[in-house]
Amino acid sequence: MKKVFKERNIKQKSSYWWLILIKMGSKKTIDGIRISKIVRMLLDLEGVQIRKGTNHPFVAKRKGLRSCPIASSTHAKKMLVPWIVDATGYESNLVYSSLRAGSWTYT
């Protein structure tokens, strides 16, 4: 992707490329949930660890589960909610509404 921007002139960039550039620096997921809220909420869960990733700003880990990347390209409802449900056993609708609210409705 870097080669594409180096080879093209600014005038030749389509609106689609600008959308990707804006999204890369975003601090929210695709469905509009702040990444900082997600990280703070995941740290409240027992056994969940957050580490810095190489391709993603954050990666959620829990023993016995595959890691879950957290970035501006993450769709919380499709990627984070199923991972949290597997990690905790909570109900998926309540997990997603808690993520949108910014705090756990139950602990």
PDB file of N, CA and C in Angstrom:
ATOM      1  N   MET A   1       0.824  -1.189   0.000  1.00  0.00           N
ATOM      2  CA  MET A   1       0.000   0.000   0.000  1.00  0.00           C
ATOM      3  C   MET A   1       0.865   1.248   0.000  1.00  0.00           C
ATOM      4  N   LYS A   2       2.016   1.203   0.638  1.00  0.00           N
ATOM      5  CA  LYS A   2       2.880   2.363   0.661  1.00  0.00           C
ATOM      6  C   LYS A   2       3.368   2.705  -0.742  1.00  0.00           C
ATOM      7  N   LYS A   3       3.638   1.672  -1.566  1.00  0.00           N
ATOM      8  CA  LYS A   3       4.094   1.915  -2.930  1.00  0.00           C
ATOM      9  C   LYS A   3       3.036   2.656  -3.737  1.00  0.00           C
ATOM     10  N   VAL A   4       1.775   2.330  -3.509  1.00  0.00           N
ATOM     11  CA  VAL A   4       0.686   2.986  -4.239  1.00  0.00           C
ATOM     12  C   VAL A   4       0.704   4.488  -3.979  1.00  0.00           C
ATOM     13  N   PHE A   5       0.920   4.893  -2.723  1.00  0.00           N
ATOM     14  CA  PHE A   5       0.915   6.312  -2.396  1.00  0.00           C
ATOM     15  C   PHE A   5       2.161   7.014  -2.915  1.00  0.00           C
ATOM     16  N   LYS A   6       3.288   6.320  -2.976  1.00  0.00           N
ATOM     17  CA  LYS A   6       4.502   6.933  -3.480  1.00  0.00           C
ATOM     18  C   LYS A   6       4.427   7.133  -4.989  1.00  0.00           C
ATOM     19  N   GLU A   7       3.817   6.188  -5.690  1.00  0.00           N
ATOM     20  CA  GLU A   7       3.765   6.254  -7.144  1.00  0.00           C
ATOM     21  C   GLU A   7       2.717   7.242  -7.647  1.00  0.00           C
ATOM     22  N   ARG A   8       1.659   7.435  -6.917  1.00  0.00           N
ATOM     23  CA  ARG A   8       0.590   8.323  -7.356  1.00  0.00           C
ATOM     24  C   ARG A   8       0.812   9.742  -6.858  1.00  0.00           C
ATOM     25  N   ASN A   9       0.343  10.669  -7.643  1.00  0.00           N
ATOM     26  CA  ASN A   9       0.364  12.062  -7.236  1.00  0.00           C
ATOM     27  C   ASN A   9      -0.865  12.317  -6.367  1.00  0.00           C
ATOM     28  N   ILE A  10      -0.844  13.335  -5.526  1.00  0.00           N
ATOM     29  CA  ILE A  10      -1.973  13.643  -4.652  1.00  0.00           C
ATOM     30  C   ILE A  10      -3.239  13.875  -5.467  1.00  0.00           C
ATOM     31  N   LYS A  11      -3.130  14.515  -6.619  1.00  0.00           N
ATOM     32  CA  LYS A  11      -4.307  14.806  -7.442  1.00  0.00           C
ATOM     33  C   LYS A  11      -4.911  13.530  -8.014  1.00  0.00           C
ATOM     34  N   GLN A  12      -4.119  12.477  -8.158  1.00  0.00           N
ATOM     35  CA  GLN A  12      -4.612  11.241  -8.759  1.00  0.00           C
ATOM     36  C   GLN A  12      -5.291  10.315  -7.756  1.00  0.00           C
ATOM     37  N   LYS A  13      -5.175  10.607  -6.476  1.00  0.00           N
ATOM     38  CA  LYS A  13      -5.794   9.746  -5.470  1.00  0.00           C
ATOM     39  C   LYS A  13      -7.305   9.878  -5.513  1.00  0.00           C
ATOM     40  N   SER A  14      -7.970   8.751  -5.519  1.00  0.00           N
ATOM     41  CA  SER A  14      -9.427   8.778  -5.509  1.00  0.00           C
ATOM     42  C   SER A  14      -9.923   8.978  -4.083  1.00  0.00           C
ATOM     43  N   SER A  15     -11.205   9.252  -3.944  1.00  0.00           N
ATOM     44  CA  SER A  15     -11.779   9.447  -2.610  1.00  0.00           C
ATOM     45  C   SER A  15     -11.689   8.162  -1.788  1.00  0.00           C
ATOM     46  N   TYR A  16     -11.661   7.002  -2.441  1.00  0.00           N
ATOM     47  CA  TYR A  16     -11.536   5.735  -1.735  1.00  0.00           C
ATOM     48  C   TYR A  16     -10.210   5.663  -0.982  1.00  0.00           C
ATOM     49  N   TRP A  17      -9.114   6.088  -1.601  1.00  0.00           N
ATOM     50  CA  TRP A  17      -7.809   6.055  -0.937  1.00  0.00           C
ATOM     51  C   TRP A  17      -7.758   7.014   0.246  1.00  0.00           C
ATOM     52  N   TRP A  18      -8.424   8.147   0.129  1.00  0.00           N
ATOM     53  CA  TRP A  18      -8.468   9.079   1.255  1.00  0.00           C
ATOM     54  C   TRP A  18      -9.234   8.477   2.417  1.00  0.00           C
ATOM     55  N   LEU A  19     -10.258   7.710   2.110  1.00  0.00           N
ATOM     56  CA  LEU A  19     -11.024   7.055   3.164  1.00  0.00           C
ATOM     57  C   LEU A  19     -10.143   6.067   3.927  1.00  0.00           C
ATOM     58  N   ILE A  20      -9.310   5.325   3.206  1.00  0.00           N
ATOM     59  CA  ILE A  20      -8.396   4.383   3.859  1.00  0.00           C
ATOM     60  C   ILE A  20      -7.393   5.133   4.718  1.00  0.00           C
ATOM     61  N   LEU A  21      -6.866   6.232   4.232  1.00  0.00           N
ATOM     62  CA  LEU A  21      -5.900   7.021   5.001  1.00  0.00           C
ATOM     63  C   LEU A  21      -6.523   7.542   6.293  1.00  0.00           C
ATOM     64  N   ILE A  22      -7.747   8.039   6.210  1.00  0.00           N
ATOM     65  CA  ILE A  22      -8.432   8.564   7.393  1.00  0.00           C
ATOM     66  C   ILE A  22      -8.705   7.430   8.370  1.00  0.00           C
ATOM     67  N   LYS A  23      -9.118   6.266   7.855  1.00  0.00           N
ATOM     68  CA  LYS A  23      -9.474   5.143   8.716  1.00  0.00           C
ATOM     69  C   LYS A  23      -8.258   4.587   9.435  1.00  0.00           C
ATOM     70  N   MET A  24      -7.079   4.646   8.802  1.00  0.00           N
ATOM     71  CA  MET A  24      -5.878   4.094   9.416  1.00  0.00           C
ATOM     72  C   MET A  24      -5.515   4.843  10.696  1.00  0.00           C
ATOM     73  N   GLY A  25      -5.785   6.129  10.754  1.00  0.00           N
ATOM     74  CA  GLY A  25      -5.431   6.901  11.928  1.00  0.00           C
ATOM     75  C   GLY A  25      -6.563   7.023  12.924  1.00  0.00           C
ATOM     76  N   SER A  26      -7.616   6.299  12.710  1.00  0.00           N
ATOM     77  CA  SER A  26      -8.799   6.423  13.540  1.00  0.00           C
ATOM     78  C   SER A  26      -8.591   5.806  14.921  1.00  0.00           C
ATOM     79  N   LYS A  27      -9.359   6.279  15.907  1.00  0.00           N
ATOM     80  CA  LYS A  27      -9.283   5.731  17.260  1.00  0.00           C
ATOM     81  C   LYS A  27     -10.561   4.994  17.622  1.00  0.00           C
ATOM     82  N   LYS A  28     -11.358   4.656  16.606  1.00  0.00           N
ATOM     83  CA  LYS A  28     -12.593   3.903  16.811  1.00  0.00           C
ATOM     84  C   LYS A  28     -12.608   2.687  15.901  1.00  0.00           C
ATOM     85  N   THR A  29     -13.405   1.692  16.284  1.00  0.00           N
ATOM     86  CA  THR A  29     -13.588   0.523  15.430  1.00  0.00           C
ATOM     87  C   THR A  29     -14.515   0.892  14.280  1.00  0.00           C
ATOM     88  N   ILE A  30     -14.713  -0.030  13.367  1.00  0.00           N
ATOM     89  CA  ILE A  30     -15.570   0.229  12.213  1.00  0.00           C
ATOM     90  C   ILE A  30     -16.992   0.572  12.645  1.00  0.00           C
ATOM     91  N   ASP A  31     -17.489  -0.069  13.690  1.00  0.00           N
ATOM     92  CA  ASP A  31     -18.849   0.208  14.127  1.00  0.00           C
ATOM     93  C   ASP A  31     -18.913   1.312  15.187  1.00  0.00           C
ATOM     94  N   GLY A  32     -17.853   2.094  15.341  1.00  0.00           N
ATOM     95  CA  GLY A  32     -17.912   3.331  16.109  1.00  0.00           C
ATOM     96  C   GLY A  32     -17.628   3.246  17.600  1.00  0.00           C
ATOM     97  N   ILE A  33     -17.047   2.150  18.063  1.00  0.00           N
ATOM     98  CA  ILE A  33     -16.737   2.015  19.483  1.00  0.00           C
ATOM     99  C   ILE A  33     -15.278   2.427  19.700  1.00  0.00           C
ATOM    100  N   ARG A  34     -15.036   3.270  20.692  1.00  0.00           N
ATOM    101  CA  ARG A  34     -13.667   3.725  20.957  1.00  0.00           C
ATOM    102  C   ARG A  34     -12.776   2.565  21.389  1.00  0.00           C
ATOM    103  N   ILE A  35     -11.582   2.509  20.794  1.00  0.00           N
ATOM    104  CA  ILE A  35     -10.638   1.451  21.113  1.00  0.00           C
ATOM    105  C   ILE A  35     -10.191   1.549  22.565  1.00  0.00           C
ATOM    106  N   SER A  36     -10.043   2.765  23.073  1.00  0.00           N
ATOM    107  CA  SER A  36      -9.630   2.932  24.471  1.00  0.00           C
ATOM    108  C   SER A  36     -10.669   2.356  25.429  1.00  0.00           C
ATOM    109  N   LYS A  37     -11.963   2.516  25.115  1.00  0.00           N
ATOM    110  CA  LYS A  37     -13.020   1.921  25.945  1.00  0.00           C
ATOM    111  C   LYS A  37     -12.937   0.401  25.929  1.00  0.00           C
ATOM    112  N   ILE A  38     -12.708  -0.149  24.739  1.00  0.00           N
ATOM    113  CA  ILE A  38     -12.638  -1.606  24.599  1.00  0.00           C
ATOM    114  C   ILE A  38     -11.489  -2.160  25.433  1.00  0.00           C
ATOM    115  N   VAL A  39     -10.319  -1.522  25.325  1.00  0.00           N
ATOM    116  CA  VAL A  39      -9.150  -1.995  26.061  1.00  0.00           C
ATOM    117  C   VAL A  39      -9.390  -1.891  27.559  1.00  0.00           C
ATOM    118  N   ARG A  40      -9.955  -0.778  28.007  1.00  0.00           N
ATOM    119  CA  ARG A  40     -10.234  -0.594  29.436  1.00  0.00           C
ATOM    120  C   ARG A  40     -11.222  -1.645  29.942  1.00  0.00           C
ATOM    121  N   MET A  41     -12.246  -1.930  29.147  1.00  0.00           N
ATOM    122  CA  MET A  41     -13.245  -2.910  29.560  1.00  0.00           C
ATOM    123  C   MET A  41     -12.677  -4.332  29.573  1.00  0.00           C
ATOM    124  N   LEU A  42     -11.831  -4.658  28.600  1.00  0.00           N
ATOM    125  CA  LEU A  42     -11.242  -5.993  28.562  1.00  0.00           C
ATOM    126  C   LEU A  42     -10.288  -6.223  29.726  1.00  0.00           C
ATOM    127  N   LEU A  43      -9.615  -5.165  30.176  1.00  0.00           N
ATOM    128  CA  LEU A  43      -8.722  -5.305  31.319  1.00  0.00           C
ATOM    129  C   LEU A  43      -9.485  -5.595  32.605  1.00  0.00           C
ATOM    130  N   ASP A  44     -10.769  -5.239  32.656  1.00  0.00           N
ATOM    131  CA  ASP A  44     -11.600  -5.539  33.813  1.00  0.00           C
ATOM    132  C   ASP A  44     -11.977  -7.017  33.905  1.00  0.00           C
ATOM    133  N   LEU A  45     -11.893  -7.731  32.784  1.00  0.00           N
ATOM    134  CA  LEU A  45     -12.262  -9.149  32.775  1.00  0.00           C
ATOM    135  C   LEU A  45     -11.141  -9.995  33.350  1.00  0.00           C
ATOM    136  N   GLU A  46     -11.511 -11.008  34.087  1.00  0.00           N
ATOM    137  CA  GLU A  46     -10.535 -11.880  34.740  1.00  0.00           C
ATOM    138  C   GLU A  46      -9.840 -12.771  33.708  1.00  0.00           C
ATOM    139  N   GLY A  47      -8.522 -12.785  33.751  1.00  0.00           N
ATOM    140  CA  GLY A  47      -7.739 -13.658  32.880  1.00  0.00           C
ATOM    141  C   GLY A  47      -7.431 -13.093  31.512  1.00  0.00           C
ATOM    142  N   VAL A  48      -7.939 -11.927  31.178  1.00  0.00           N
ATOM    143  CA  VAL A  48      -7.694 -11.321  29.868  1.00  0.00           C
ATOM    144  C   VAL A  48      -6.500 -10.387  29.968  1.00  0.00           C
ATOM    145  N   GLN A  49      -5.583 -10.531  29.033  1.00  0.00           N
ATOM    146  CA  GLN A  49      -4.401  -9.674  28.975  1.00  0.00           C
ATOM    147  C   GLN A  49      -4.409  -8.911  27.656  1.00  0.00           C
ATOM    148  N   ILE A  50      -3.887  -7.702  27.672  1.00  0.00           N
ATOM    149  CA  ILE A  50      -3.765  -6.881  26.468  1.00  0.00           C
ATOM    150  C   ILE A  50      -2.281  -6.640  26.229  1.00  0.00           C
ATOM    151  N   ARG A  51      -1.854  -6.858  24.989  1.00  0.00           N
ATOM    152  CA  ARG A  51      -0.475  -6.560  24.632  1.00  0.00           C
ATOM    153  C   ARG A  51      -0.451  -5.722  23.357  1.00  0.00           C
ATOM    154  N   LYS A  52       0.663  -5.073  23.118  1.00  0.00           N
ATOM    155  CA  LYS A  52       0.841  -4.319  21.882  1.00  0.00           C
ATOM    156  C   LYS A  52       1.111  -5.312  20.772  1.00  0.00           C
ATOM    157  N   GLY A  53       0.531  -5.057  19.618  1.00  0.00           N
ATOM    158  CA  GLY A  53       0.748  -5.926  18.476  1.00  0.00           C
ATOM    159  C   GLY A  53       1.663  -5.285  17.455  1.00  0.00           C
ATOM    160  N   THR A  54       2.117  -6.069  16.498  1.00  0.00           N
ATOM    161  CA  THR A  54       2.965  -5.521  15.448  1.00  0.00           C
ATOM    162  C   THR A  54       2.126  -4.957  14.302  1.00  0.00           C
ATOM    163  N   ASN A  55       1.068  -5.649  13.935  1.00  0.00           N
ATOM    164  CA  ASN A  55       0.197  -5.180  12.857  1.00  0.00           C
ATOM    165  C   ASN A  55      -1.049  -4.469  13.368  1.00  0.00           C
ATOM    166  N   HIS A  56      -1.363  -4.647  14.631  1.00  0.00           N
ATOM    167  CA  HIS A  56      -2.524  -4.007  15.253  1.00  0.00           C
ATOM    168  C   HIS A  56      -2.046  -3.301  16.520  1.00  0.00           C
ATOM    169  N   PRO A  57      -2.700  -2.210  16.897  1.00  0.00           N
ATOM    170  CA  PRO A  57      -2.251  -1.496  18.093  1.00  0.00           C
ATOM    171  C   PRO A  57      -2.357  -2.334  19.372  1.00  0.00           C
ATOM    172  N   PHE A  58      -3.397  -3.163  19.482  1.00  0.00           N
ATOM    173  CA  PHE A  58      -3.602  -3.983  20.673  1.00  0.00           C
ATOM    174  C   PHE A  58      -4.045  -5.383  20.271  1.00  0.00           C
ATOM    175  N   VAL A  59      -3.697  -6.347  21.117  1.00  0.00           N
ATOM    176  CA  VAL A  59      -4.125  -7.732  20.927  1.00  0.00           C
ATOM    177  C   VAL A  59      -4.593  -8.247  22.279  1.00  0.00           C
ATOM    178  N   ALA A  60      -5.818  -8.764  22.325  1.00  0.00           N
ATOM    179  CA  ALA A  60      -6.365  -9.340  23.554  1.00  0.00           C
ATOM    180  C   ALA A  60      -6.014 -10.824  23.594  1.00  0.00           C
ATOM    181  N   LYS A  61      -5.567 -11.283  24.765  1.00  0.00           N
ATOM    182  CA  LYS A  61      -5.176 -12.682  24.921  1.00  0.00           C
ATOM    183  C   LYS A  61      -5.810 -13.259  26.170  1.00  0.00           C
ATOM    184  N   ARG A  62      -6.104 -14.537  26.087  1.00  0.00           N
ATOM    185  CA  ARG A  62      -6.555 -15.295  27.252  1.00  0.00           C
ATOM    186  C   ARG A  62      -6.102 -16.730  27.065  1.00  0.00           C
ATOM    187  N   LYS A  63      -5.690 -17.347  28.135  1.00  0.00           N
ATOM    188  CA  LYS A  63      -5.182 -18.714  28.063  1.00  0.00           C
ATOM    189  C   LYS A  63      -6.265 -19.640  27.523  1.00  0.00           C
ATOM    190  N   GLY A  64      -5.898 -20.443  26.537  1.00  0.00           N
ATOM    191  CA  GLY A  64      -6.830 -21.396  25.953  1.00  0.00           C
ATOM    192  C   GLY A  64      -7.630 -20.857  24.782  1.00  0.00           C
ATOM    193  N   LEU A  65      -7.478 -19.568  24.474  1.00  0.00           N
ATOM    194  CA  LEU A  65      -8.199 -18.961  23.356  1.00  0.00           C
ATOM    195  C   LEU A  65      -7.213 -18.350  22.369  1.00  0.00           C
ATOM    196  N   ARG A  66      -7.639 -18.272  21.144  1.00  0.00           N
ATOM    197  CA  ARG A  66      -6.861 -17.576  20.126  1.00  0.00           C
ATOM    198  C   ARG A  66      -6.876 -16.083  20.427  1.00  0.00           C
ATOM    199  N   SER A  67      -5.801 -15.385  20.110  1.00  0.00           N
ATOM    200  CA  SER A  67      -5.745 -13.946  20.390  1.00  0.00           C
ATOM    201  C   SER A  67      -6.689 -13.181  19.470  1.00  0.00           C
ATOM    202  N   CYS A  68      -7.106 -12.003  19.926  1.00  0.00           N
ATOM    203  CA  CYS A  68      -8.081 -11.187  19.203  1.00  0.00           C
ATOM    204  C   CYS A  68      -7.480  -9.805  18.951  1.00  0.00           C
ATOM    205  N   PRO A  69      -7.238  -9.429  17.675  1.00  0.00           N
ATOM    206  CA  PRO A  69      -6.673  -8.114  17.384  1.00  0.00           C
ATOM    207  C   PRO A  69      -7.701  -7.003  17.579  1.00  0.00           C
ATOM    208  N   ILE A  70      -7.214  -5.856  18.055  1.00  0.00           N
ATOM    209  CA  ILE A  70      -8.075  -4.695  18.250  1.00  0.00           C
ATOM    210  C   ILE A  70      -7.448  -3.525  17.506  1.00  0.00           C
ATOM    211  N   ALA A  71      -8.147  -3.034  16.495  1.00  0.00           N
ATOM    212  CA  ALA A  71      -7.638  -1.930  15.683  1.00  0.00           C
ATOM    213  C   ALA A  71      -8.812  -1.175  15.082  1.00  0.00           C
ATOM    214  N   SER A  72      -8.512  -0.147  14.308  1.00  0.00           N
ATOM    215  CA  SER A  72      -9.581   0.616  13.670  1.00  0.00           C
ATOM    216  C   SER A  72     -10.264  -0.198  12.576  1.00  0.00           C
ATOM    217  N   SER A  73      -9.625  -1.269  12.116  1.00  0.00           N
ATOM    218  CA  SER A  73     -10.234  -2.140  11.108  1.00  0.00           C
ATOM    219  C   SER A  73     -11.085  -3.242  11.734  1.00  0.00           C
ATOM    220  N   THR A  74     -11.141  -3.299  13.046  1.00  0.00           N
ATOM    221  CA  THR A  74     -11.893  -4.335  13.755  1.00  0.00           C
ATOM    222  C   THR A  74     -13.382  -4.000  13.763  1.00  0.00           C
ATOM    223  N   HIS A  75     -14.193  -4.984  13.457  1.00  0.00           N
ATOM    224  CA  HIS A  75     -15.647  -4.846  13.596  1.00  0.00           C
ATOM    225  C   HIS A  75     -16.010  -5.519  14.913  1.00  0.00           C
ATOM    226  N   ALA A  76     -16.379  -4.721  15.897  1.00  0.00           N
ATOM    227  CA  ALA A  76     -16.573  -5.232  17.260  1.00  0.00           C
ATOM    228  C   ALA A  76     -17.641  -6.320  17.325  1.00  0.00           C
ATOM    229  N   LYS A  77     -18.730  -6.146  16.610  1.00  0.00           N
ATOM    230  CA  LYS A  77     -19.819  -7.121  16.702  1.00  0.00           C
ATOM    231  C   LYS A  77     -19.427  -8.468  16.090  1.00  0.00           C
ATOM    232  N   LYS A  78     -18.593  -8.448  15.060  1.00  0.00           N
ATOM    233  CA  LYS A  78     -18.217  -9.683  14.384  1.00  0.00           C
ATOM    234  C   LYS A  78     -16.967 -10.335  14.957  1.00  0.00           C
ATOM    235  N   MET A  79     -16.058  -9.528  15.520  1.00  0.00           N
ATOM    236  CA  MET A  79     -14.782 -10.092  15.975  1.00  0.00           C
ATOM    237  C   MET A  79     -14.646 -10.113  17.494  1.00  0.00           C
ATOM    238  N   LEU A  80     -14.941  -9.006  18.146  1.00  0.00           N
ATOM    239  CA  LEU A  80     -14.724  -8.909  19.591  1.00  0.00           C
ATOM    240  C   LEU A  80     -15.788  -9.631  20.404  1.00  0.00           C
ATOM    241  N   VAL A  81     -17.048  -9.439  20.033  1.00  0.00           N
ATOM    242  CA  VAL A  81     -18.143 -10.021  20.825  1.00  0.00           C
ATOM    243  C   VAL A  81     -18.043 -11.552  20.891  1.00  0.00           C
ATOM    244  N   PRO A  82     -17.840 -12.263  19.766  1.00  0.00           N
ATOM    245  CA  PRO A  82     -17.706 -13.726  19.895  1.00  0.00           C
ATOM    246  C   PRO A  82     -16.506 -14.149  20.744  1.00  0.00           C
ATOM    247  N   TRP A  83     -15.413 -13.377  20.658  1.00  0.00           N
ATOM    248  CA  TRP A  83     -14.234 -13.697  21.467  1.00  0.00           C
ATOM    249  C   TRP A  83     -14.532 -13.506  22.950  1.00  0.00           C
ATOM    250  N   ILE A  84     -15.210 -12.417  23.293  1.00  0.00           N
ATOM    251  CA  ILE A  84     -15.561 -12.155  24.697  1.00  0.00           C
ATOM    252  C   ILE A  84     -16.548 -13.195  25.213  1.00  0.00           C
ATOM    253  N   VAL A  85     -17.501 -13.594  24.359  1.00  0.00           N
ATOM    254  CA  VAL A  85     -18.472 -14.629  24.755  1.00  0.00           C
ATOM    255  C   VAL A  85     -17.746 -15.939  25.037  1.00  0.00           C
ATOM    256  N   ASP A  86     -16.768 -16.310  24.184  1.00  0.00           N
ATOM    257  CA  ASP A  86     -15.987 -17.530  24.430  1.00  0.00           C
ATOM    258  C   ASP A  86     -15.152 -17.418  25.701  1.00  0.00           C
ATOM    259  N   ALA A  87     -14.639 -16.218  25.961  1.00  0.00           N
ATOM    260  CA  ALA A  87     -13.766 -16.029  27.125  1.00  0.00           C
ATOM    261  C   ALA A  87     -14.536 -15.981  28.437  1.00  0.00           C
ATOM    262  N   THR A  88     -15.765 -15.453  28.395  1.00  0.00           N
ATOM    263  CA  THR A  88     -16.494 -15.223  29.641  1.00  0.00           C
ATOM    264  C   THR A  88     -17.765 -16.044  29.795  1.00  0.00           C
ATOM    265  N   GLY A  89     -18.403 -16.390  28.696  1.00  0.00           N
ATOM    266  CA  GLY A  89     -19.680 -17.083  28.762  1.00  0.00           C
ATOM    267  C   GLY A  89     -20.868 -16.135  28.862  1.00  0.00           C
ATOM    268  N   TYR A  90     -20.614 -14.829  28.750  1.00  0.00           N
ATOM    269  CA  TYR A  90     -21.703 -13.850  28.794  1.00  0.00           C
ATOM    270  C   TYR A  90     -22.551 -13.952  27.528  1.00  0.00           C
ATOM    271  N   GLU A  91     -23.728 -13.371  27.566  1.00  0.00           N
ATOM    272  CA  GLU A  91     -24.633 -13.354  26.428  1.00  0.00           C
ATOM    273  C   GLU A  91     -24.174 -12.303  25.419  1.00  0.00           C
ATOM    274  N   SER A  92     -24.206 -12.635  24.127  1.00  0.00           N
ATOM    275  CA  SER A  92     -23.628 -11.767  23.104  1.00  0.00           C
ATOM    276  C   SER A  92     -24.328 -10.405  22.994  1.00  0.00           C
ATOM    277  N   ASN A  93     -25.646 -10.375  23.114  1.00  0.00           N
ATOM    278  CA  ASN A  93     -26.355  -9.087  23.027  1.00  0.00           C
ATOM    279  C   ASN A  93     -25.972  -8.160  24.175  1.00  0.00           C
ATOM    280  N   LEU A  94     -25.823  -8.711  25.361  1.00  0.00           N
ATOM    281  CA  LEU A  94     -25.431  -7.902  26.515  1.00  0.00           C
ATOM    282  C   LEU A  94     -23.978  -7.435  26.410  1.00  0.00           C
ATOM    283  N   VAL A  95     -23.119  -8.266  25.833  1.00  0.00           N
ATOM    284  CA  VAL A  95     -21.722  -7.877  25.654  1.00  0.00           C
ATOM    285  C   VAL A  95     -21.635  -6.699  24.682  1.00  0.00           C
ATOM    286  N   TYR A  96     -22.339  -6.791  23.556  1.00  0.00           N
ATOM    287  CA  TYR A  96     -22.275  -5.709  22.566  1.00  0.00           C
ATOM    288  C   TYR A  96     -22.888  -4.418  23.111  1.00  0.00           C
ATOM    289  N   SER A  97     -23.994  -4.514  23.820  1.00  0.00           N
ATOM    290  CA  SER A  97     -24.591  -3.297  24.385  1.00  0.00           C
ATOM    291  C   SER A  97     -23.682  -2.696  25.461  1.00  0.00           C
ATOM    292  N   SER A  98     -22.968  -3.530  26.196  1.00  0.00           N
ATOM    293  CA  SER A  98     -22.005  -3.029  27.185  1.00  0.00           C
ATOM    294  C   SER A  98     -20.843  -2.320  26.502  1.00  0.00           C
ATOM    295  N   LEU A  99     -20.344  -2.891  25.418  1.00  0.00           N
ATOM    296  CA  LEU A  99     -19.263  -2.236  24.675  1.00  0.00           C
ATOM    297  C   LEU A  99     -19.707  -0.870  24.148  1.00  0.00           C
ATOM    298  N   ARG A 100     -20.913  -0.791  23.645  1.00  0.00           N
ATOM    299  CA  ARG A 100     -21.422   0.485  23.126  1.00  0.00           C
ATOM    300  C   ARG A 100     -21.630   1.494  24.250  1.00  0.00           C
ATOM    301  N   ALA A 101     -22.026   1.017  25.432  1.00  0.00           N
ATOM    302  CA  ALA A 101     -22.256   1.918  26.571  1.00  0.00           C
ATOM    303  C   ALA A 101     -20.949   2.355  27.227  1.00  0.00           C
ATOM    304  N   GLY A 102     -19.908   1.535  27.107  1.00  0.00           N
ATOM    305  CA  GLY A 102     -18.612   1.892  27.684  1.00  0.00           C
ATOM    306  C   GLY A 102     -18.368   1.329  29.063  1.00  0.00           C
ATOM    307  N   SER A 103     -19.288   0.536  29.579  1.00  0.00           N
ATOM    308  CA  SER A 103     -19.083  -0.107  30.885  1.00  0.00           C
ATOM    309  C   SER A 103     -19.899  -1.408  30.900  1.00  0.00           C
ATOM    310  N   TRP A 104     -19.446  -2.343  31.723  1.00  0.00           N
ATOM    311  CA  TRP A 104     -20.130  -3.632  31.803  1.00  0.00           C
ATOM    312  C   TRP A 104     -21.448  -3.468  32.540  1.00  0.00           C
ATOM    313  N   THR A 105     -22.503  -4.020  31.972  1.00  0.00           N
ATOM    314  CA  THR A 105     -23.808  -3.958  32.633  1.00  0.00           C
ATOM    315  C   THR A 105     -23.867  -4.980  33.764  1.00  0.00           C
ATOM    316  N   TYR A 106     -22.971  -5.948  33.737  1.00  0.00           N
ATOM    317  CA  TYR A 106     -22.855  -6.936  34.804  1.00  0.00           C
ATOM    318  C   TYR A 106     -21.394  -7.332  34.902  1.00  0.00           C
ATOM    319  N   THR A 107     -20.962  -7.730  36.076  1.00  0.00           N
ATOM    320  CA  THR A 107     -19.571  -8.173  36.254  1.00  0.00           C
ATOM    321  C   THR A 107     -19.502  -9.441  37.040  1.00  0.00           C
TER     322      THR A 107
END
